[in-house]
C-alpha atoms as a PDB file:
ATOM      1  CA  MET A   1      15.137   9.138   2.095  1.00  0.00           C
ATOM      2  CA  LEU A   2      16.724   6.923   4.559  1.00  0.00           C
ATOM      3  CA  ILE A   3      18.938   4.190   3.114  1.00  0.00           C
ATOM      4  CA  ILE A   4      19.950   1.276   5.350  1.00  0.00           C
ATOM      5  CA  THR A   5      21.392  -2.121   5.068  1.00  0.00           C
ATOM      6  CA  ARG A   6      19.434  -5.086   6.453  1.00  0.00           C
ATOM      7  CA  ARG A   7      20.018  -8.847   6.220  1.00  0.00           C
ATOM      8  CA  ALA A   8      17.320 -11.540   5.957  1.00  0.00           C
ATOM      9  CA  GLY A   9      15.582 -11.884   9.236  1.00  0.00           C
ATOM     10  CA  GLU A  10      16.154  -8.282  10.311  1.00  0.00           C
ATOM     11  CA  LYS A  11      13.407  -5.688  10.735  1.00  0.00           C
ATOM     12  CA  VAL A  12      12.811  -2.008  10.218  1.00  0.00           C
ATOM     13  CA  MET A  13      10.372  -0.044  12.427  1.00  0.00           C
ATOM     14  CA  VAL A  14       8.361   2.776  10.823  1.00  0.00           C
ATOM     15  CA  GLY A  15       6.875   4.701  13.674  1.00  0.00           C
ATOM     16  CA  ASP A  16       5.252   2.751  16.521  1.00  0.00           C
ATOM     17  CA  ASP A  17       2.889   0.647  14.466  1.00  0.00           C
ATOM     18  CA  VAL A  18       4.628  -0.524  11.227  1.00  0.00           C
ATOM     19  CA  VAL A  19       7.262  -3.249  11.076  1.00  0.00           C
ATOM     20  CA  VAL A  20       9.029  -4.068   7.728  1.00  0.00           C
ATOM     21  CA  HIS A  21      10.493  -7.643   7.908  1.00  0.00           C
ATOM     22  CA  VAL A  22      13.343  -8.616   5.460  1.00  0.00           C
ATOM     23  CA  MET A  23      12.119 -12.129   4.762  1.00  0.00           C
ATOM     24  CA  GLU A  24      14.515 -13.317   2.015  1.00  0.00           C
ATOM     25  CA  ILE A  25      17.123 -12.128  -0.316  1.00  0.00           C
ATOM     26  CA  VAL A  26      17.825 -14.045  -3.563  1.00  0.00           C
ATOM     27  CA  GLY A  27      19.972 -12.455  -6.094  1.00  0.00           C
ATOM     28  CA  ASN A  28      18.434  -8.954  -6.936  1.00  0.00           C
ATOM     29  CA  THR A  29      15.169  -9.799  -5.269  1.00  0.00           C
ATOM     30  CA  VAL A  30      14.283  -8.902  -1.694  1.00  0.00           C
ATOM     31  CA  ARG A  31      11.029 -10.369  -0.085  1.00  0.00           C
ATOM     32  CA  VAL A  32       9.651  -8.249   2.590  1.00  0.00           C
ATOM     33  CA  GLY A  33       6.740  -8.642   5.033  1.00  0.00           C
ATOM     34  CA  ILE A  34       4.988  -5.555   6.364  1.00  0.00           C
ATOM     35  CA  GLU A  35       3.073  -5.549   9.591  1.00  0.00           C
ATOM     36  CA  ALA A  36       0.607  -2.594   9.883  1.00  0.00           C
ATOM     37  CA  PRO A  37      -2.701  -1.728  11.505  1.00  0.00           C
ATOM     38  CA  ARG A  38      -5.695  -2.672   9.382  1.00  0.00           C
ATOM     39  CA  SER A  39      -6.610   0.966   9.320  1.00  0.00           C
ATOM     40  CA  LEU A  40      -3.474   1.749   7.403  1.00  0.00           C
ATOM     41  CA  PRO A  41      -3.573   0.570   3.783  1.00  0.00           C
ATOM     42  CA  VAL A  42      -0.457  -1.006   2.340  1.00  0.00           C
ATOM     43  CA  TYR A  43      -0.111  -1.217  -1.474  1.00  0.00           C
ATOM     44  CA  ARG A  44       2.622  -2.070  -3.889  1.00  0.00           C
ATOM     45  CA  GLU A  45       3.589   1.183  -5.787  1.00  0.00           C
ATOM     46  CA  GLU A  46       2.084   0.202  -9.075  1.00  0.00           C
ATOM     47  CA  ILE A  47      -1.277  -0.851  -7.469  1.00  0.00           C
ATOM     48  CA  TRP A  48      -1.330   2.458  -5.487  1.00  0.00           C
ATOM     49  CA  HIS A  49      -0.990   4.424  -8.694  1.00  0.00           C
ATOM     50  CA  ALA A  50      -3.693   2.466 -10.404  1.00  0.00           C
ATOM     51  CA  VAL A  51      -6.052   2.902  -7.442  1.00  0.00           C
ATOM     52  CA  ARG A  52      -5.271   6.728  -7.333  1.00  0.00           C
ATOM     53  CA  GLU A  53      -6.052   7.007 -11.108  1.00  0.00           C
ATOM     54  CA  GLU A  54      -9.341   5.106 -10.873  1.00  0.00           C
ATOM     55  CA  ASN A  55     -10.349   7.385  -7.994  1.00  0.00           C
ATOM     56  CA  ARG A  56      -9.508  10.509 -10.061  1.00  0.00           C
ATOM     57  CA  ALA A  57     -11.441   9.130 -13.080  1.00  0.00           C
ATOM     58  CA  ALA A  58     -14.493   8.380 -10.883  1.00  0.00           C
ATOM     59  CA  ALA A  59     -14.244  11.933  -9.446  1.00  0.00           C
ATOM     60  CA  ARG A  60     -14.396  13.388 -12.999  1.00  0.00           C
ATOM     61  CA  ALA A  61     -17.326  11.159 -14.070  1.00  0.00           C
ATOM     62  CA  PRO A  62     -20.635  12.984 -14.422  1.00  0.00           C
ATOM     63  CA  GLY A  63     -22.507  13.081 -11.133  1.00  0.00           C
ATOM     64  CA  ASP A  64     -26.059  12.418 -12.526  1.00  0.00           C
ATOM     65  CA  LEU A  65     -27.001   9.264 -10.492  1.00  0.00           C
ATOM     66  CA  PRO A  66     -30.525   7.946 -10.576  1.00  0.00           C
ATOM     67  CA  SER A  67     -32.770   8.690  -7.639  1.00  0.00           C
ATOM     68  CA  PRO A  68     -33.516   5.730  -5.445  1.00  0.00           C
ATOM     69  CA  ALA A  69     -36.844   3.953  -5.912  1.00  0.00           C
ATOM     70  CA  ARG A  70     -39.580   5.122  -3.537  1.00  0.00           C
ATOM     71  CA  ARG A  71     -41.375   2.596  -1.390  1.00  0.00           C
END
């Protein structure tokens, strides 16, 4: 893990395509902005865990889907 110190208004580059902006620091709260290509999903950690668990649950569900109606 890389640990760095940044001030409000400063940025961190992640590879060539991702920029993390330190927007504001108030007390113990830091607001960040993330610029990334649309093809790269960006989630808060708790949302990412929820999405991953939903995907796992869907993969475990029975696969008996109805056949499409014939025309």
